[in-house]
Amino acid sequence: MNYYLGVDAGATKTYAILTDETGNWLASGRSGPGNHQINVELANSNIKDAVFQALNQANLQPADIRVAWFGLAGADREADYRILRPMIQSYGFANAHIVCDTIIAMRAGTAKPYGAVLICGTGMNAAGINKHGQMIQCGGFGYAFGDFGGGSELSIEAFRTVIRAWEGRIKPTLLTDLILQTLGYGSVEEMFHHFLDLHKRIPSDLTKLIFDAAARGDQASIQILQKQGAELGLSARSVIERLLMQDENFDLVLAGSVLTKGNGEFIHPYIAKEVREAAPGCQLNILTVEPVVGSILLAMEKDGMTIAASTYEKLGQITNIKGVVYHE
């Protein structure tokens, strides 16, 4: 029996899973943040911890694994890989591969080995792989480097929209009462001065309020979400065109809380409009499994396997692995 290891290491947690060649889920490991851009030593410790939790649970060694596939947040540029390659190599796998975590999310959300992905959670990112195995990423480096949106920036948009309405620059917005209630202020003036005087940072969890206000017809909120959709669509379109996928039929996988938990009617149509102008055969597909499933699929394909329908069915059941052992 052949065994495969998949890893998904992000800014807040790291998951590792082990399967056999038929897609049976054998073992799991979970640990803390695995993004080396935040802290190299902590990321190394957490990734290694999750990996060996899974191996020990299955009573296996690195030498028993046919292919280990690591989807790592922060695996963006060659400068990152110069740090990550020796780190992963030190774990002892004979056949280990590293990609950005965007790529494993894409592979987890489609039955094809090629396609594109949009991730919009705390931040945003786009990536894709074409039929020739060429890989491109667009975004993921923040507003100053061309991005717009993600939960952190949308929260800022919500906050500043309330300020602008209070100052009379725009029409009143339902966001005002929602944000004042959420943050515990009696007036916008009080909130305005309190944030300035204490140099307070705008909380990054106000995005849900934009969806709430938009559902009640608030035009300011609807415009923010429409802009987010259009910007995401532009990012996906860039990936599609640079990979020369305009004439292909493929899935654009949508991942991250803004795209999977919010009301899609305010964002998804604007993504679709942009990408279908470039690639009419593109279909939007919301990710419903853990992204780490993509690491397993990529590992199997690297080993020369053609993924059977029964394997997809088994891996499709891995929708939540939060209950596995977690060492704080």
C-alpha atoms as a PDB file:
ATOM      1  CA  MET A   1       0.000   0.000   0.000  1.00  0.00           C
ATOM      2  CA  ASN A   2       1.259   3.495  -0.871  1.00  0.00           C
ATOM      3  CA  TYR A   3       0.880   6.379   1.574  1.00  0.00           C
ATOM      4  CA  TYR A   4       0.603  10.116   0.934  1.00  0.00           C
ATOM      5  CA  LEU A   5       1.036  13.096   3.257  1.00  0.00           C
ATOM      6  CA  GLY A   6      -0.660  16.438   2.706  1.00  0.00           C
ATOM      7  CA  VAL A   7       0.022  19.621   4.678  1.00  0.00           C
ATOM      8  CA  ASP A   8      -1.783  22.970   4.815  1.00  0.00           C
ATOM      9  CA  ALA A   9       0.139  25.547   6.852  1.00  0.00           C
ATOM     10  CA  GLY A  10      -1.430  28.969   7.264  1.00  0.00           C
ATOM     11  CA  ALA A  11      -1.187  32.104   9.360  1.00  0.00           C
ATOM     12  CA  THR A  12      -3.220  30.672  12.265  1.00  0.00           C
ATOM     13  CA  LYS A  13      -3.019  26.871  12.029  1.00  0.00           C
ATOM     14  CA  THR A  14      -1.348  23.910  10.366  1.00  0.00           C
ATOM     15  CA  TYR A  15      -3.088  20.706   9.279  1.00  0.00           C
ATOM     16  CA  ALA A  16      -1.459  17.468   8.156  1.00  0.00           C
ATOM     17  CA  ILE A  17      -3.317  14.404   6.883  1.00  0.00           C
ATOM     18  CA  LEU A  18      -2.246  10.924   5.801  1.00  0.00           C
ATOM     19  CA  THR A  19      -4.124   8.775   3.307  1.00  0.00           C
ATOM     20  CA  ASP A  20      -3.511   5.577   1.420  1.00  0.00           C
ATOM     21  CA  GLU A  21      -3.607   5.319  -2.376  1.00  0.00           C
ATOM     22  CA  THR A  22      -7.377   4.789  -2.421  1.00  0.00           C
ATOM     23  CA  GLY A  23      -8.086   7.989  -0.469  1.00  0.00           C
ATOM     24  CA  ASN A  24      -8.749   6.398   2.924  1.00  0.00           C
ATOM     25  CA  TRP A  25      -8.080   9.010   5.616  1.00  0.00           C
ATOM     26  CA  LEU A  26      -5.685   7.330   8.047  1.00  0.00           C
ATOM     27  CA  ALA A  27      -4.407  10.002  10.410  1.00  0.00           C
ATOM     28  CA  SER A  28      -4.263  13.734  11.104  1.00  0.00           C
ATOM     29  CA  GLY A  29      -2.144  16.283  12.896  1.00  0.00           C
ATOM     30  CA  ARG A  30      -2.844  19.831  13.896  1.00  0.00           C
ATOM     31  CA  SER A  31      -0.663  22.610  15.214  1.00  0.00           C
ATOM     32  CA  GLY A  32      -0.381  26.377  15.285  1.00  0.00           C
ATOM     33  CA  PRO A  33       0.728  29.029  12.738  1.00  0.00           C
ATOM     34  CA  GLY A  34       2.882  27.762   9.878  1.00  0.00           C
ATOM     35  CA  ASN A  35       3.690  30.932   7.926  1.00  0.00           C
ATOM     36  CA  HIS A  36       7.455  31.476   7.971  1.00  0.00           C
ATOM     37  CA  GLN A  37       7.000  35.145   7.046  1.00  0.00           C
ATOM     38  CA  ILE A  38       5.586  35.702  10.528  1.00  0.00           C
ATOM     39  CA  ASN A  39       8.151  33.628  12.453  1.00  0.00           C
ATOM     40  CA  VAL A  40      10.488  31.092  10.834  1.00  0.00           C
ATOM     41  CA  GLU A  41      11.293  29.086  13.973  1.00  0.00           C
ATOM     42  CA  LEU A  42       7.669  28.926  15.089  1.00  0.00           C
ATOM     43  CA  ALA A  43       6.509  27.900  11.606  1.00  0.00           C
ATOM     44  CA  ASN A  44       9.126  25.146  11.428  1.00  0.00           C
ATOM     45  CA  SER A  45       8.171  23.825  14.857  1.00  0.00           C
ATOM     46  CA  ASN A  46       4.438  23.834  14.115  1.00  0.00           C
ATOM     47  CA  ILE A  47       4.675  22.250  10.670  1.00  0.00           C
ATOM     48  CA  LYS A  48       6.972  19.527  11.985  1.00  0.00           C
ATOM     49  CA  ASP A  49       4.669  18.948  14.961  1.00  0.00           C
ATOM     50  CA  ALA A  50       1.577  18.477  12.784  1.00  0.00           C
ATOM     51  CA  VAL A  51       3.440  16.202  10.377  1.00  0.00           C
ATOM     52  CA  PHE A  52       4.792  13.887  13.046  1.00  0.00           C
ATOM     53  CA  GLN A  53       1.481  13.818  14.916  1.00  0.00           C
ATOM     54  CA  ALA A  54      -0.023  12.292  11.777  1.00  0.00           C
ATOM     55  CA  LEU A  55       2.906   9.935  11.166  1.00  0.00           C
ATOM     56  CA  ASN A  56       2.963   8.706  14.761  1.00  0.00           C
ATOM     57  CA  GLN A  57      -0.801   8.227  14.791  1.00  0.00           C
ATOM     58  CA  ALA A  58      -0.492   5.973  11.722  1.00  0.00           C
ATOM     59  CA  ASN A  59       2.683   4.309  13.041  1.00  0.00           C
ATOM     60  CA  LEU A  60       4.607   5.390   9.933  1.00  0.00           C
ATOM     61  CA  GLN A  61       7.978   7.012   9.249  1.00  0.00           C
ATOM     62  CA  PRO A  62       8.934   9.615   6.607  1.00  0.00           C
ATOM     63  CA  ALA A  63      10.530   6.812   4.580  1.00  0.00           C
ATOM     64  CA  ASP A  64       7.107   5.131   4.291  1.00  0.00           C
ATOM     65  CA  ILE A  65       5.580   8.094   2.447  1.00  0.00           C
ATOM     66  CA  ARG A  66       5.575   7.965  -1.350  1.00  0.00           C
ATOM     67  CA  VAL A  67       5.030  11.732  -1.754  1.00  0.00           C
ATOM     68  CA  ALA A  68       4.660  14.504   0.821  1.00  0.00           C
ATOM     69  CA  TRP A  69       3.048  17.695  -0.438  1.00  0.00           C
ATOM     70  CA  PHE A  70       3.262  20.959   1.505  1.00  0.00           C
ATOM     71  CA  GLY A  71       0.889  23.864   0.819  1.00  0.00           C
ATOM     72  CA  LEU A  72       2.459  26.730   2.735  1.00  0.00           C
ATOM     73  CA  ALA A  73       1.219  30.256   3.300  1.00  0.00           C
ATOM     74  CA  GLY A  74       4.023  32.626   2.384  1.00  0.00           C
ATOM     75  CA  ALA A  75       5.557  30.350  -0.269  1.00  0.00           C
ATOM     76  CA  ASP A  76       5.324  33.239  -2.705  1.00  0.00           C
ATOM     77  CA  ARG A  77       8.771  34.050  -4.106  1.00  0.00           C
ATOM     78  CA  GLU A  78      12.158  32.441  -4.614  1.00  0.00           C
ATOM     79  CA  ALA A  79      13.357  34.249  -1.484  1.00  0.00           C
ATOM     80  CA  ASP A  80      10.737  32.265   0.461  1.00  0.00           C
ATOM     81  CA  TYR A  81      11.714  28.941  -1.096  1.00  0.00           C
ATOM     82  CA  ARG A  82      15.345  29.448  -0.095  1.00  0.00           C
ATOM     83  CA  ILE A  83      14.080  29.312   3.495  1.00  0.00           C
ATOM     84  CA  LEU A  84      11.423  26.642   3.030  1.00  0.00           C
ATOM     85  CA  ARG A  85      13.311  24.015   0.986  1.00  0.00           C
ATOM     86  CA  PRO A  86      15.924  23.193   3.655  1.00  0.00           C
ATOM     87  CA  MET A  87      13.253  23.372   6.359  1.00  0.00           C
ATOM     88  CA  ILE A  88      11.054  20.746   4.700  1.00  0.00           C
ATOM     89  CA  GLN A  89      14.058  18.682   3.600  1.00  0.00           C
ATOM     90  CA  SER A  90      15.092  18.326   7.243  1.00  0.00           C
ATOM     91  CA  TYR A  91      11.947  16.273   7.976  1.00  0.00           C
ATOM     92  CA  GLY A  92      13.395  13.299   6.106  1.00  0.00           C
ATOM     93  CA  PHE A  93      10.988  12.719   3.215  1.00  0.00           C
ATOM     94  CA  ALA A  94      12.533  11.292   0.063  1.00  0.00           C
ATOM     95  CA  ASN A  95       9.958  12.970  -2.168  1.00  0.00           C
ATOM     96  CA  ALA A  96       8.611  16.274  -0.824  1.00  0.00           C
ATOM     97  CA  HIS A  97       7.191  19.242  -2.721  1.00  0.00           C
ATOM     98  CA  ILE A  98       6.233  22.796  -1.747  1.00  0.00           C
ATOM     99  CA  VAL A  99       3.641  25.139  -3.260  1.00  0.00           C
ATOM    100  CA  CYS A 100       1.784  28.200  -2.029  1.00  0.00           C
ATOM    101  CA  ASP A 101      -1.358  27.302  -0.085  1.00  0.00           C
ATOM    102  CA  THR A 102      -3.457  28.942  -2.813  1.00  0.00           C
ATOM    103  CA  ILE A 103      -2.576  26.073  -5.151  1.00  0.00           C
ATOM    104  CA  ILE A 104      -3.760  23.336  -2.801  1.00  0.00           C
ATOM    105  CA  ALA A 105      -7.048  25.199  -2.282  1.00  0.00           C
ATOM    106  CA  MET A 106      -7.513  25.246  -6.051  1.00  0.00           C
ATOM    107  CA  ARG A 107      -6.820  21.534  -6.425  1.00  0.00           C
ATOM    108  CA  ALA A 108      -9.124  20.708  -3.501  1.00  0.00           C
ATOM    109  CA  GLY A 109     -12.041  22.459  -5.202  1.00  0.00           C
ATOM    110  CA  THR A 110     -11.954  20.897  -8.673  1.00  0.00           C
ATOM    111  CA  ALA A 111     -11.901  17.450 -10.270  1.00  0.00           C
ATOM    112  CA  LYS A 112      -9.399  18.704 -12.861  1.00  0.00           C
ATOM    113  CA  PRO A 113      -5.620  18.977 -12.380  1.00  0.00           C
ATOM    114  CA  TYR A 114      -5.744  22.526 -13.746  1.00  0.00           C
ATOM    115  CA  GLY A 115      -7.828  25.623 -13.077  1.00  0.00           C
ATOM    116  CA  ALA A 116      -7.782  28.826 -11.041  1.00  0.00           C
ATOM    117  CA  VAL A 117      -8.534  29.925  -7.502  1.00  0.00           C
ATOM    118  CA  LEU A 118      -9.547  33.064  -5.644  1.00  0.00           C
ATOM    119  CA  ILE A 119      -8.971  33.252  -1.917  1.00  0.00           C
ATOM    120  CA  CYS A 120     -10.568  36.042   0.065  1.00  0.00           C
ATOM    121  CA  GLY A 121     -10.345  35.619   3.810  1.00  0.00           C
ATOM    122  CA  THR A 122      -8.229  37.913   5.966  1.00  0.00           C
ATOM    123  CA  GLY A 123      -6.481  38.973   2.757  1.00  0.00           C
ATOM    124  CA  MET A 124      -6.881  38.063  -0.904  1.00  0.00           C
ATOM    125  CA  ASN A 125      -4.949  36.066  -3.448  1.00  0.00           C
ATOM    126  CA  ALA A 126      -5.383  34.505  -6.887  1.00  0.00           C
ATOM    127  CA  ALA A 127      -3.525  31.685  -8.587  1.00  0.00           C
ATOM    128  CA  GLY A 128      -3.841  29.071 -11.292  1.00  0.00           C
ATOM    129  CA  ILE A 129      -2.314  26.090 -13.080  1.00  0.00           C
ATOM    130  CA  ASN A 130      -2.795  25.389 -16.783  1.00  0.00           C
ATOM    131  CA  LYS A 131      -2.787  22.061 -18.631  1.00  0.00           C
ATOM    132  CA  HIS A 132       0.970  22.295 -19.074  1.00  0.00           C
ATOM    133  CA  GLY A 133       1.570  22.568 -15.337  1.00  0.00           C
ATOM    134  CA  GLN A 134       2.556  26.231 -15.475  1.00  0.00           C
ATOM    135  CA  MET A 135       1.695  28.057 -12.260  1.00  0.00           C
ATOM    136  CA  ILE A 136       0.999  31.771 -11.700  1.00  0.00           C
ATOM    137  CA  GLN A 137       0.033  33.772  -8.626  1.00  0.00           C
ATOM    138  CA  CYS A 138      -1.512  37.243  -8.616  1.00  0.00           C
ATOM    139  CA  GLY A 139      -1.782  39.247  -5.421  1.00  0.00           C
ATOM    140  CA  GLY A 140      -1.408  38.340  -1.810  1.00  0.00           C
ATOM    141  CA  PHE A 141       0.953  41.154  -0.859  1.00  0.00           C
ATOM    142  CA  GLY A 142      -1.505  43.820   0.319  1.00  0.00           C
ATOM    143  CA  TYR A 143      -2.994  47.098  -0.838  1.00  0.00           C
ATOM    144  CA  ALA A 144       0.332  48.839  -1.545  1.00  0.00           C
ATOM    145  CA  PHE A 145       1.241  46.028  -3.947  1.00  0.00           C
ATOM    146  CA  GLY A 146      -1.974  46.125  -5.965  1.00  0.00           C
ATOM    147  CA  ASP A 147      -4.541  44.170  -3.921  1.00  0.00           C
ATOM    148  CA  PHE A 148      -7.934  45.307  -2.727  1.00  0.00           C
ATOM    149  CA  GLY A 149      -9.938  43.667   0.005  1.00  0.00           C
ATOM    150  CA  GLY A 150     -10.005  40.652   2.211  1.00  0.00           C
ATOM    151  CA  GLY A 151     -11.537  40.831   5.668  1.00  0.00           C
ATOM    152  CA  SER A 152      -8.968  43.208   7.141  1.00  0.00           C
ATOM    153  CA  GLU A 153      -9.283  45.822   4.403  1.00  0.00           C
ATOM    154  CA  LEU A 154     -13.051  45.439   4.100  1.00  0.00           C
ATOM    155  CA  SER A 155     -13.311  46.197   7.814  1.00  0.00           C
ATOM    156  CA  ILE A 156     -11.378  49.411   7.206  1.00  0.00           C
ATOM    157  CA  GLU A 157     -13.726  50.224   4.318  1.00  0.00           C
ATOM    158  CA  ALA A 158     -16.709  49.742   6.619  1.00  0.00           C
ATOM    159  CA  PHE A 159     -15.209  51.944   9.339  1.00  0.00           C
ATOM    160  CA  ARG A 160     -14.210  54.762   6.990  1.00  0.00           C
ATOM    161  CA  THR A 161     -17.624  54.621   5.298  1.00  0.00           C
ATOM    162  CA  VAL A 162     -19.225  55.414   8.663  1.00  0.00           C
ATOM    163  CA  ILE A 163     -16.812  58.320   9.177  1.00  0.00           C
ATOM    164  CA  ARG A 164     -17.482  59.662   5.686  1.00  0.00           C
ATOM    165  CA  ALA A 165     -21.253  59.495   6.221  1.00  0.00           C
ATOM    166  CA  TRP A 166     -20.919  61.281   9.581  1.00  0.00           C
ATOM    167  CA  GLU A 167     -18.892  64.052   7.932  1.00  0.00           C
ATOM    168  CA  GLY A 168     -21.440  64.387   5.120  1.00  0.00           C
ATOM    169  CA  ARG A 169     -19.155  63.230   2.314  1.00  0.00           C
ATOM    170  CA  ILE A 170     -21.597  60.451   1.423  1.00  0.00           C
ATOM    171  CA  LYS A 171     -25.220  59.620   2.199  1.00  0.00           C
ATOM    172  CA  PRO A 172     -26.162  58.031   5.564  1.00  0.00           C
ATOM    173  CA  THR A 173     -25.480  54.312   5.839  1.00  0.00           C
ATOM    174  CA  LEU A 174     -26.892  51.460   7.905  1.00  0.00           C
ATOM    175  CA  LEU A 175     -23.303  50.614   8.780  1.00  0.00           C
ATOM    176  CA  THR A 176     -23.295  53.475  11.270  1.00  0.00           C
ATOM    177  CA  ASP A 177     -25.644  51.893  13.810  1.00  0.00           C
ATOM    178  CA  LEU A 178     -24.227  48.411  13.207  1.00  0.00           C
ATOM    179  CA  ILE A 179     -20.632  49.472  13.858  1.00  0.00           C
ATOM    180  CA  LEU A 180     -21.450  51.723  16.812  1.00  0.00           C
ATOM    181  CA  GLN A 181     -23.348  48.872  18.454  1.00  0.00           C
ATOM    182  CA  THR A 182     -20.613  46.332  17.702  1.00  0.00           C
ATOM    183  CA  LEU A 183     -17.799  48.540  19.004  1.00  0.00           C
ATOM    184  CA  GLY A 184     -19.775  49.917  21.950  1.00  0.00           C
ATOM    185  CA  TYR A 185     -19.975  53.638  21.158  1.00  0.00           C
ATOM    186  CA  GLY A 186     -22.885  56.036  21.570  1.00  0.00           C
ATOM    187  CA  SER A 187     -21.959  58.251  18.620  1.00  0.00           C
ATOM    188  CA  VAL A 188     -19.632  58.428  15.641  1.00  0.00           C
ATOM    189  CA  GLU A 189     -17.997  61.527  17.143  1.00  0.00           C
ATOM    190  CA  GLU A 190     -17.115  59.598  20.302  1.00  0.00           C
ATOM    191  CA  MET A 191     -15.737  56.687  18.256  1.00  0.00           C
ATOM    192  CA  PHE A 192     -13.802  59.013  15.941  1.00  0.00           C
ATOM    193  CA  HIS A 193     -11.945  60.787  18.752  1.00  0.00           C
ATOM    194  CA  HIS A 194     -11.436  57.657  20.846  1.00  0.00           C
ATOM    195  CA  PHE A 195      -9.735  55.842  17.978  1.00  0.00           C
ATOM    196  CA  LEU A 196      -7.549  58.851  17.176  1.00  0.00           C
ATOM    197  CA  ASP A 197      -6.623  59.684  20.776  1.00  0.00           C
ATOM    198  CA  LEU A 198      -5.695  56.106  21.715  1.00  0.00           C
ATOM    199  CA  HIS A 199      -4.210  55.162  18.323  1.00  0.00           C
ATOM    200  CA  LYS A 200      -6.606  52.232  18.199  1.00  0.00           C
ATOM    201  CA  ARG A 201      -6.492  49.813  15.288  1.00  0.00           C
ATOM    202  CA  ILE A 202      -9.672  49.118  13.387  1.00  0.00           C
ATOM    203  CA  PRO A 203     -10.874  45.585  14.249  1.00  0.00           C
ATOM    204  CA  SER A 204     -10.580  43.114  11.388  1.00  0.00           C
ATOM    205  CA  ASP A 205     -13.932  41.421  12.045  1.00  0.00           C
ATOM    206  CA  LEU A 206     -16.340  44.119  10.807  1.00  0.00           C
ATOM    207  CA  THR A 207     -16.764  42.538   7.364  1.00  0.00           C
ATOM    208  CA  LYS A 208     -19.872  40.592   8.375  1.00  0.00           C
ATOM    209  CA  LEU A 209     -21.608  43.898   9.083  1.00  0.00           C
ATOM    210  CA  ILE A 210     -21.158  44.926   5.446  1.00  0.00           C
ATOM    211  CA  PHE A 211     -23.039  41.804   4.331  1.00  0.00           C
ATOM    212  CA  ASP A 212     -25.735  42.452   6.961  1.00  0.00           C
ATOM    213  CA  ALA A 213     -26.244  46.030   5.794  1.00  0.00           C
ATOM    214  CA  ALA A 214     -26.147  45.056   2.104  1.00  0.00           C
ATOM    215  CA  ALA A 215     -28.887  42.473   2.689  1.00  0.00           C
ATOM    216  CA  ARG A 216     -31.045  45.322   3.997  1.00  0.00           C
ATOM    217  CA  GLY A 217     -30.435  47.393   0.875  1.00  0.00           C
ATOM    218  CA  ASP A 218     -27.657  49.691   2.115  1.00  0.00           C
ATOM    219  CA  GLN A 219     -26.121  51.149  -1.028  1.00  0.00           C
ATOM    220  CA  ALA A 220     -22.759  52.020   0.526  1.00  0.00           C
ATOM    221  CA  SER A 221     -22.314  48.401   1.651  1.00  0.00           C
ATOM    222  CA  ILE A 222     -23.454  47.008  -1.684  1.00  0.00           C
ATOM    223  CA  GLN A 223     -20.906  49.191  -3.486  1.00  0.00           C
ATOM    224  CA  ILE A 224     -18.069  47.979  -1.227  1.00  0.00           C
ATOM    225  CA  LEU A 225     -18.916  44.336  -1.958  1.00  0.00           C
ATOM    226  CA  GLN A 226     -19.369  44.983  -5.675  1.00  0.00           C
ATOM    227  CA  LYS A 227     -15.925  46.561  -5.772  1.00  0.00           C
ATOM    228  CA  GLN A 228     -14.509  43.550  -3.943  1.00  0.00           C
ATOM    229  CA  GLY A 229     -16.076  41.222  -6.516  1.00  0.00           C
ATOM    230  CA  ALA A 230     -14.799  43.238  -9.468  1.00  0.00           C
ATOM    231  CA  GLU A 231     -11.271  43.416  -8.042  1.00  0.00           C
ATOM    232  CA  LEU A 232     -11.224  39.675  -7.399  1.00  0.00           C
ATOM    233  CA  GLY A 233     -12.485  39.112 -10.920  1.00  0.00           C
ATOM    234  CA  LEU A 234      -9.650  41.231 -12.320  1.00  0.00           C
ATOM    235  CA  SER A 235      -7.117  39.180 -10.357  1.00  0.00           C
ATOM    236  CA  ALA A 236      -8.553  35.900 -11.631  1.00  0.00           C
ATOM    237  CA  ARG A 237      -8.715  37.263 -15.165  1.00  0.00           C
ATOM    238  CA  SER A 238      -5.035  38.213 -14.996  1.00  0.00           C
ATOM    239  CA  VAL A 239      -4.128  34.651 -13.978  1.00  0.00           C
ATOM    240  CA  ILE A 240      -6.315  33.133 -16.718  1.00  0.00           C
ATOM    241  CA  GLU A 241      -4.916  35.339 -19.465  1.00  0.00           C
ATOM    242  CA  ARG A 242      -1.288  34.928 -18.427  1.00  0.00           C
ATOM    243  CA  LEU A 243      -1.733  31.155 -18.397  1.00  0.00           C
ATOM    244  CA  LEU A 244      -3.440  31.286 -21.853  1.00  0.00           C
ATOM    245  CA  MET A 245      -6.524  29.486 -20.538  1.00  0.00           C
ATOM    246  CA  GLN A 246      -9.128  31.622 -22.318  1.00  0.00           C
ATOM    247  CA  ASP A 247     -10.369  28.759 -24.510  1.00  0.00           C
ATOM    248  CA  GLU A 248     -10.368  26.082 -21.775  1.00  0.00           C
ATOM    249  CA  ASN A 249     -13.216  24.684 -19.689  1.00  0.00           C
ATOM    250  CA  PHE A 250     -12.137  24.847 -16.050  1.00  0.00           C
ATOM    251  CA  ASP A 251     -13.231  25.678 -12.510  1.00  0.00           C
ATOM    252  CA  LEU A 252     -12.488  28.912 -10.697  1.00  0.00           C
ATOM    253  CA  VAL A 253     -12.459  27.776  -7.068  1.00  0.00           C
ATOM    254  CA  LEU A 254     -13.687  30.285  -4.482  1.00  0.00           C
ATOM    255  CA  ALA A 255     -12.154  29.939  -1.015  1.00  0.00           C
ATOM    256  CA  GLY A 256     -11.888  32.001   2.159  1.00  0.00           C
ATOM    257  CA  SER A 257     -14.606  33.244   4.489  1.00  0.00           C
ATOM    258  CA  VAL A 258     -15.565  36.349   2.485  1.00  0.00           C
ATOM    259  CA  LEU A 259     -16.393  34.185  -0.532  1.00  0.00           C
ATOM    260  CA  THR A 260     -17.788  31.096   1.184  1.00  0.00           C
ATOM    261  CA  LYS A 261     -19.601  32.442   4.257  1.00  0.00           C
ATOM    262  CA  GLY A 262     -20.889  35.803   3.037  1.00  0.00           C
ATOM    263  CA  ASN A 263     -23.929  36.280   0.805  1.00  0.00           C
ATOM    264  CA  GLY A 264     -22.576  35.445  -2.631  1.00  0.00           C
ATOM    265  CA  GLU A 265     -25.106  37.547  -4.532  1.00  0.00           C
ATOM    266  CA  PHE A 266     -23.170  40.704  -3.680  1.00  0.00           C
ATOM    267  CA  ILE A 267     -19.751  39.472  -4.888  1.00  0.00           C
ATOM    268  CA  HIS A 268     -19.922  36.349  -7.071  1.00  0.00           C
ATOM    269  CA  PRO A 269     -21.721  37.900 -10.094  1.00  0.00           C
ATOM    270  CA  TYR A 270     -19.026  40.572 -10.391  1.00  0.00           C
ATOM    271  CA  ILE A 271     -16.290  37.950 -10.306  1.00  0.00           C
ATOM    272  CA  ALA A 272     -18.135  35.939 -12.946  1.00  0.00           C
ATOM    273  CA  LYS A 273     -18.599  38.977 -15.205  1.00  0.00           C
ATOM    274  CA  GLU A 274     -14.858  39.670 -15.335  1.00  0.00           C
ATOM    275  CA  VAL A 275     -13.655  36.116 -15.814  1.00  0.00           C
ATOM    276  CA  ARG A 276     -16.283  35.036 -18.344  1.00  0.00           C
ATOM    277  CA  GLU A 277     -15.429  37.955 -20.596  1.00  0.00           C
ATOM    278  CA  ALA A 278     -11.972  36.393 -20.823  1.00  0.00           C
ATOM    279  CA  ALA A 279     -12.873  32.693 -20.507  1.00  0.00           C
ATOM    280  CA  PRO A 280     -16.502  31.750 -21.278  1.00  0.00           C
ATOM    281  CA  GLY A 281     -15.823  28.132 -20.223  1.00  0.00           C
ATOM    282  CA  CYS A 282     -14.933  29.124 -16.650  1.00  0.00           C
ATOM    283  CA  GLN A 283     -17.271  27.872 -13.912  1.00  0.00           C
ATOM    284  CA  LEU A 284     -17.305  29.227 -10.339  1.00  0.00           C
ATOM    285  CA  ASN A 285     -17.026  26.492  -7.714  1.00  0.00           C
ATOM    286  CA  ILE A 286     -17.175  27.133  -3.952  1.00  0.00           C
ATOM    287  CA  LEU A 287     -14.655  25.114  -1.921  1.00  0.00           C
ATOM    288  CA  THR A 288     -16.460  22.719   0.453  1.00  0.00           C
ATOM    289  CA  VAL A 289     -13.609  20.496   1.693  1.00  0.00           C
ATOM    290  CA  GLU A 290     -10.521  21.252   3.738  1.00  0.00           C
ATOM    291  CA  PRO A 291      -7.842  22.789   1.447  1.00  0.00           C
ATOM    292  CA  VAL A 292      -5.359  20.174   2.689  1.00  0.00           C
ATOM    293  CA  VAL A 293      -7.246  17.681   0.476  1.00  0.00           C
ATOM    294  CA  GLY A 294      -5.599  19.464  -2.448  1.00  0.00           C
ATOM    295  CA  SER A 295      -2.185  18.518  -1.107  1.00  0.00           C
ATOM    296  CA  ILE A 296      -3.149  14.836  -1.131  1.00  0.00           C
ATOM    297  CA  LEU A 297      -4.464  15.048  -4.704  1.00  0.00           C
ATOM    298  CA  LEU A 298      -1.316  16.822  -5.887  1.00  0.00           C
ATOM    299  CA  ALA A 299       0.861  14.239  -4.119  1.00  0.00           C
ATOM    300  CA  MET A 300      -0.998  11.370  -5.781  1.00  0.00           C
ATOM    301  CA  GLU A 301      -0.738  12.986  -9.206  1.00  0.00           C
ATOM    302  CA  LYS A 302       2.971  13.623  -8.703  1.00  0.00           C
ATOM    303  CA  ASP A 303       3.281   9.875  -8.133  1.00  0.00           C
ATOM    304  CA  GLY A 304       1.688   9.223 -11.521  1.00  0.00           C
ATOM    305  CA  MET A 305      -1.779   8.304 -10.296  1.00  0.00           C
ATOM    306  CA  THR A 306      -5.000   9.046 -12.151  1.00  0.00           C
ATOM    307  CA  ILE A 307      -7.506   9.987  -9.484  1.00  0.00           C
ATOM    308  CA  ALA A 308     -10.498   7.621  -9.427  1.00  0.00           C
ATOM    309  CA  ALA A 309     -14.054   8.793  -8.730  1.00  0.00           C
ATOM    310  CA  SER A 310     -14.089   6.683  -5.562  1.00  0.00           C
ATOM    311  CA  THR A 311     -10.966   8.477  -4.325  1.00  0.00           C
ATOM    312  CA  TYR A 312     -12.565  11.876  -4.908  1.00  0.00           C
ATOM    313  CA  GLU A 313     -15.609  10.646  -3.009  1.00  0.00           C
ATOM    314  CA  LYS A 314     -13.560   9.562   0.010  1.00  0.00           C
ATOM    315  CA  LEU A 315     -11.479  12.740   0.081  1.00  0.00           C
ATOM    316  CA  GLY A 316     -14.652  14.801  -0.334  1.00  0.00           C
ATOM    317  CA  GLN A 317     -15.665  13.712   3.158  1.00  0.00           C
ATOM    318  CA  ILE A 318     -12.751  15.597   4.707  1.00  0.00           C
ATOM    319  CA  THR A 319     -14.695  18.758   5.430  1.00  0.00           C
ATOM    320  CA  ASN A 320     -13.594  19.387   9.010  1.00  0.00           C
ATOM    321  CA  ILE A 321     -10.507  18.135  10.817  1.00  0.00           C
ATOM    322  CA  LYS A 322     -10.656  20.570  13.719  1.00  0.00           C
ATOM    323  CA  GLY A 323     -11.243  17.751  16.174  1.00  0.00           C
ATOM    324  CA  VAL A 324      -7.808  16.172  15.825  1.00  0.00           C
ATOM    325  CA  VAL A 325      -5.162  16.440  18.519  1.00  0.00           C
ATOM    326  CA  TYR A 326      -3.814  19.959  18.889  1.00  0.00           C
ATOM    327  CA  HIS A 327      -0.762  20.686  21.039  1.00  0.00           C
ATOM    328  CA  GLU A 328      -0.829  24.316  22.131  1.00  0.00           C
END
